[in-house]
């Protein structure tokens, strides 16, 4: 389970998170929606303790991350897979070497690492790409390689930061399918940060709309579709005119 209680985060005078409350049950996938600059990625970084909150509590399992020492944070991170917005692959390493990094950190043997890398590349549809470098792959292929690296250690938690940004509809559907496959196979507790409402509907058990530094709305896909909240409707229908003038 992942819990955020009254989480606050500012950068100078800019308040980004202003009392966020959100809970993700074990094995559940929650999509966090919001306009650009609403704090979605900042929220995700609080969970992984890549950023420390200014106030409030972040729990991952039974660990209070915001107050945990470095060794505890590293232990919890070892149970996480993080899919970065732009894949964040190391250009100097092959795809296979990139994917094997979490296994090396976990002390997995070279033989088992090779087997796992081969298996996960097959899973994400990149069976013959192990020896290629990130610059040799398309954007969609790099995204799939990023997912492979995130899941190769079979994490208990998966954090996705805009995994379909910049992708065409066909490739987006492929990435959505991979996320559903990981959800089924790993049963990981997952947060999907996205502005893509259709992707969120396909993948998530619940959706949460972040606005004004807080969670404005939470609900299942059906509850989200039927909501009469004008901000939720603006996202669902993709209509700027529904967005209240004082909420831009």
Protein backbone atom coordinates (compact mmCIF):
# COMPACT_ATOMS: atom_id res chain seq x y z
CA UNK A 1 0.00 0.00 0.00
CA UNK A 2 1.08 3.59 -0.69
CA UNK A 3 -0.31 6.45 1.38
CA UNK A 4 0.11 10.20 1.12
CA UNK A 5 -1.33 12.27 3.94
CA UNK A 6 -1.42 16.08 3.82
CA UNK A 7 1.73 16.12 1.67
CA UNK A 8 3.09 19.58 0.89
CA UNK A 9 5.92 20.65 -1.39
CA UNK A 10 7.03 24.09 -2.53
CA UNK A 11 9.90 25.40 -4.64
CA UNK A 12 10.67 28.87 -3.37
CA UNK A 13 7.41 30.79 -3.36
CA UNK A 14 5.71 28.33 -5.73
CA UNK A 15 3.40 25.93 -3.91
CA UNK A 16 3.16 22.70 -5.92
CA UNK A 17 1.55 20.27 -3.47
CA UNK A 18 -0.67 21.80 -0.81
CA UNK A 19 -2.02 18.97 1.32
CA UNK A 20 -2.32 15.95 -0.96
CA UNK A 21 -4.21 12.95 0.43
CA UNK A 22 -4.14 9.78 -1.64
CA UNK A 23 -4.10 6.05 -0.92
CA UNK A 24 -3.25 3.23 -3.32
CA UNK A 25 -4.25 -0.20 -2.06
CA UNK A 26 -2.00 -3.21 -2.45
CA UNK A 27 -2.17 -4.43 -6.06
CA UNK A 28 -4.17 -1.41 -7.21
CA UNK A 29 -3.27 0.93 -10.08
CA UNK A 30 -4.20 4.59 -9.62
CA UNK A 31 -3.79 7.12 -12.43
CA UNK A 32 -2.96 10.66 -11.32
CA UNK A 33 -4.23 13.22 -13.82
CA UNK A 34 -3.62 16.93 -14.04
CA UNK A 35 -2.60 19.73 -16.33
CA UNK A 36 1.06 20.46 -17.01
CA UNK A 37 2.64 21.96 -13.90
CA UNK A 38 0.01 20.57 -11.54
CA UNK A 39 2.58 18.58 -9.55
CA UNK A 40 2.02 15.06 -10.87
CA UNK A 41 5.67 14.17 -11.30
CA UNK A 42 6.56 15.92 -8.04
CA UNK A 43 4.03 13.69 -6.28
CA UNK A 44 5.62 10.60 -7.79
CA UNK A 45 9.08 11.70 -6.65
CA UNK A 46 7.80 12.02 -3.08
CA UNK A 47 6.86 8.34 -3.13
CA UNK A 48 10.34 7.28 -4.26
CA UNK A 49 11.92 9.88 -1.93
CA UNK A 50 13.68 11.49 -4.87
CA UNK A 51 12.26 14.63 -3.26
CA UNK A 52 11.51 15.08 0.41
CA UNK A 53 8.14 16.67 1.26
CA UNK A 54 7.99 19.93 3.19
CA UNK A 55 5.20 18.50 5.31
CA UNK A 56 2.87 15.55 5.62
CA UNK A 57 3.52 11.82 5.53
CA UNK A 58 4.41 9.44 2.70
CA UNK A 59 4.19 5.72 3.48
CA UNK A 60 5.24 2.85 1.26
CA UNK A 61 4.16 -0.40 2.87
CA UNK A 62 5.04 0.00 6.54
CA UNK A 63 7.82 2.55 5.94
CA UNK A 64 7.36 6.28 6.48
CA UNK A 65 9.54 7.46 3.60
CA UNK A 66 9.79 11.14 4.42
CA UNK A 67 11.53 10.40 7.73
CA UNK A 68 13.40 7.22 6.80
CA UNK A 69 17.19 7.01 6.87
CA UNK A 70 19.21 6.43 3.71
CA UNK A 71 19.58 2.66 4.13
CA UNK A 72 15.82 2.24 4.64
CA UNK A 73 15.04 4.41 1.62
CA UNK A 74 17.41 2.35 -0.52
CA UNK A 75 15.81 -0.88 0.71
CA UNK A 76 12.34 0.35 -0.23
CA UNK A 77 13.56 1.66 -3.58
CA UNK A 78 14.91 -1.80 -4.37
CA UNK A 79 11.28 -2.98 -4.35
CA UNK A 80 10.24 -0.23 -6.79
CA UNK A 81 10.31 0.04 -10.54
CA UNK A 82 10.36 3.61 -11.89
CA UNK A 83 9.48 4.34 -15.52
CA UNK A 84 10.83 7.81 -16.31
CA UNK A 85 9.07 10.16 -18.72
CA UNK A 86 11.81 10.00 -21.35
CA UNK A 87 13.02 6.47 -20.49
CA UNK A 88 16.28 7.85 -18.96
CA UNK A 89 18.42 5.12 -20.47
CA UNK A 90 22.19 5.47 -20.29
CA UNK A 91 23.45 6.26 -23.80
CA UNK A 92 26.82 4.60 -23.19
CA UNK A 93 25.25 1.25 -22.26
CA UNK A 94 23.51 -1.24 -24.50
CA UNK A 95 19.82 -1.91 -23.98
CA UNK A 96 20.68 -5.19 -22.26
CA UNK A 97 23.17 -3.47 -19.95
CA UNK A 98 20.63 -0.76 -19.11
CA UNK A 99 17.99 -3.33 -18.21
CA UNK A 100 20.42 -5.37 -16.12
CA UNK A 101 21.34 -2.43 -13.85
CA UNK A 102 18.70 -3.13 -11.15
CA UNK A 103 19.80 -6.77 -11.06
CA UNK A 104 23.45 -5.80 -10.59
CA UNK A 105 22.49 -3.55 -7.70
CA UNK A 106 20.51 -6.40 -6.16
CA UNK A 107 23.48 -8.77 -6.40
CA UNK A 108 21.81 -11.12 -8.89
CA UNK A 109 24.29 -13.45 -10.57
CA UNK A 110 25.43 -12.70 -14.12
CA UNK A 111 23.86 -15.91 -15.41
CA UNK A 112 20.46 -15.22 -13.88
CA UNK A 113 20.66 -11.58 -15.01
CA UNK A 114 21.18 -12.67 -18.62
CA UNK A 115 18.18 -14.97 -18.40
CA UNK A 116 15.95 -12.29 -16.90
CA UNK A 117 17.04 -9.68 -19.45
CA UNK A 118 16.26 -12.05 -22.32
CA UNK A 119 12.87 -12.89 -20.80
CA UNK A 120 11.84 -9.29 -20.15
CA UNK A 121 12.95 -8.13 -23.60
CA UNK A 122 10.73 -10.82 -25.06
CA UNK A 123 7.87 -9.61 -22.88
CA UNK A 124 8.14 -6.00 -24.10
CA UNK A 125 8.55 -7.03 -27.73
CA UNK A 126 12.25 -6.24 -28.10
CA UNK A 127 13.76 -9.75 -28.32
CA UNK A 128 16.62 -8.83 -30.66
CA UNK A 129 17.58 -5.42 -29.26
CA UNK A 130 19.83 -6.33 -26.33
CA UNK A 131 23.08 -5.31 -28.04
CA UNK A 132 21.80 -2.07 -29.54
CA UNK A 133 22.23 1.37 -27.96
CA UNK A 134 19.38 3.73 -26.99
CA UNK A 135 20.18 6.14 -29.84
CA UNK A 136 19.54 3.32 -32.31
CA UNK A 137 15.94 2.80 -31.12
CA UNK A 138 12.75 4.71 -31.83
CA UNK A 139 11.03 6.65 -29.05
CA UNK A 140 8.45 3.92 -28.54
CA UNK A 141 11.14 1.24 -28.37
CA UNK A 142 13.05 3.26 -25.76
CA UNK A 143 9.86 3.54 -23.71
CA UNK A 144 9.46 -0.24 -23.83
CA UNK A 145 13.09 -0.68 -22.82
CA UNK A 146 12.46 1.67 -19.91
CA UNK A 147 9.53 -0.47 -18.79
CA UNK A 148 11.69 -3.59 -19.12
CA UNK A 149 14.31 -2.07 -16.83
CA UNK A 150 11.63 -1.08 -14.31
CA UNK A 151 10.12 -4.56 -14.08
CA UNK A 152 13.13 -6.86 -14.51
CA UNK A 153 13.67 -7.10 -10.74
CA UNK A 154 9.98 -8.02 -10.25
CA UNK A 155 9.11 -5.03 -8.04
CA UNK A 156 6.26 -4.73 -5.58
CA UNK A 157 5.66 -1.11 -6.61
CA UNK A 158 5.62 0.47 -10.07
CA UNK A 159 5.78 4.22 -10.68
CA UNK A 160 5.06 5.40 -14.22
CA UNK A 161 5.85 9.01 -15.14
CA UNK A 162 4.03 9.94 -18.38
CA UNK A 163 4.88 6.66 -20.15
CA UNK A 164 2.92 7.52 -23.32
CA UNK A 165 3.99 11.15 -23.79
CA UNK A 166 4.93 11.92 -27.38
CA UNK A 167 3.86 8.55 -28.74
CA UNK A 168 1.50 7.87 -31.63
CA UNK A 169 -1.85 6.18 -30.86
CA UNK A 170 -0.68 2.72 -31.97
CA UNK A 171 2.46 2.82 -29.83
CA UNK A 172 0.44 4.24 -26.93
CA UNK A 173 -1.86 1.22 -27.15
CA UNK A 174 1.21 -1.06 -27.04
CA UNK A 175 2.51 0.68 -23.89
CA UNK A 176 -0.95 0.49 -22.29
CA UNK A 177 -1.02 -3.22 -23.05
CA UNK A 178 2.37 -3.67 -21.41
CA UNK A 179 1.21 -1.86 -18.28
CA UNK A 180 -1.84 -4.11 -18.09
CA UNK A 181 0.38 -7.15 -18.55
CA UNK A 182 2.68 -6.01 -15.73
CA UNK A 183 -0.35 -5.37 -13.54
CA UNK A 184 -1.57 -8.92 -14.15
CA UNK A 185 1.79 -10.67 -13.86
CA UNK A 186 3.43 -8.73 -11.02
CA UNK A 187 0.30 -7.60 -9.15
CA UNK A 188 2.32 -4.54 -8.22
CA UNK A 189 0.91 -1.51 -6.45
CA UNK A 190 1.17 1.16 -9.14
CA UNK A 191 0.86 4.89 -9.73
CA UNK A 192 0.46 6.09 -13.30
CA UNK A 193 1.10 9.81 -13.76
CA UNK A 194 -0.41 10.92 -17.05
CA UNK A 195 -2.34 13.60 -18.91
CA UNK A 196 -3.71 10.95 -21.29
CA UNK A 197 -7.24 10.28 -20.08
CA UNK A 198 -7.86 7.40 -22.49
CA UNK A 199 -4.70 5.63 -21.35
CA UNK A 200 -5.78 6.15 -17.74
CA UNK A 201 -9.20 4.64 -18.47
CA UNK A 202 -7.60 1.56 -20.04
CA UNK A 203 -5.04 0.89 -17.33
CA UNK A 204 -6.20 2.25 -13.97
CA UNK A 205 -8.54 0.91 -11.30
CA UNK A 206 -9.08 4.46 -10.03
CA UNK A 207 -8.30 7.96 -11.26
CA UNK A 208 -7.34 11.00 -9.19
CA UNK A 209 -7.34 14.57 -10.53
CA UNK A 210 -4.65 16.82 -9.07
CA UNK A 211 -5.57 20.50 -9.10
CA UNK A 212 -4.56 23.47 -6.98
CA UNK A 213 -2.03 21.35 -5.13
CA UNK A 214 -4.64 18.87 -3.89
CA UNK A 215 -6.61 15.86 -5.10
CA UNK A 216 -9.74 17.45 -6.52
CA UNK A 217 -11.47 14.19 -7.49
CA UNK A 218 -11.07 10.43 -7.03
CA UNK A 219 -13.12 7.70 -8.66
CA UNK A 220 -13.29 4.59 -10.79
CA UNK A 221 -13.25 4.99 -14.57
CA UNK A 222 -17.06 4.83 -14.64
CA UNK A 223 -17.36 7.38 -11.83
CA UNK A 224 -14.91 9.64 -13.65
CA UNK A 225 -16.85 9.44 -16.90
CA UNK A 226 -20.11 10.32 -15.15
CA UNK A 227 -18.72 13.09 -12.92
CA UNK A 228 -20.35 16.52 -13.18
CA UNK A 229 -17.24 18.29 -11.87
CA UNK A 230 -16.36 20.76 -14.67
CA UNK A 231 -12.61 20.10 -14.33
CA UNK A 232 -13.13 16.34 -14.60
CA UNK A 233 -15.44 16.81 -17.57
CA UNK A 234 -12.85 19.03 -19.25
CA UNK A 235 -10.36 16.16 -19.06
CA UNK A 236 -12.82 13.45 -20.07
CA UNK A 237 -14.20 15.38 -23.03
CA UNK A 238 -10.99 17.22 -23.95
CA UNK A 239 -12.81 20.57 -23.98
CA UNK A 240 -10.94 23.67 -22.89
CA UNK A 241 -14.15 25.69 -22.72
CA UNK A 242 -15.33 23.57 -19.79
CA UNK A 243 -12.28 24.58 -17.73
CA UNK A 244 -13.29 27.37 -15.30
CA UNK A 245 -11.50 30.67 -16.09
CA UNK A 246 -10.08 30.95 -12.55
CA UNK A 247 -8.66 27.40 -12.71
CA UNK A 248 -6.32 27.76 -15.69
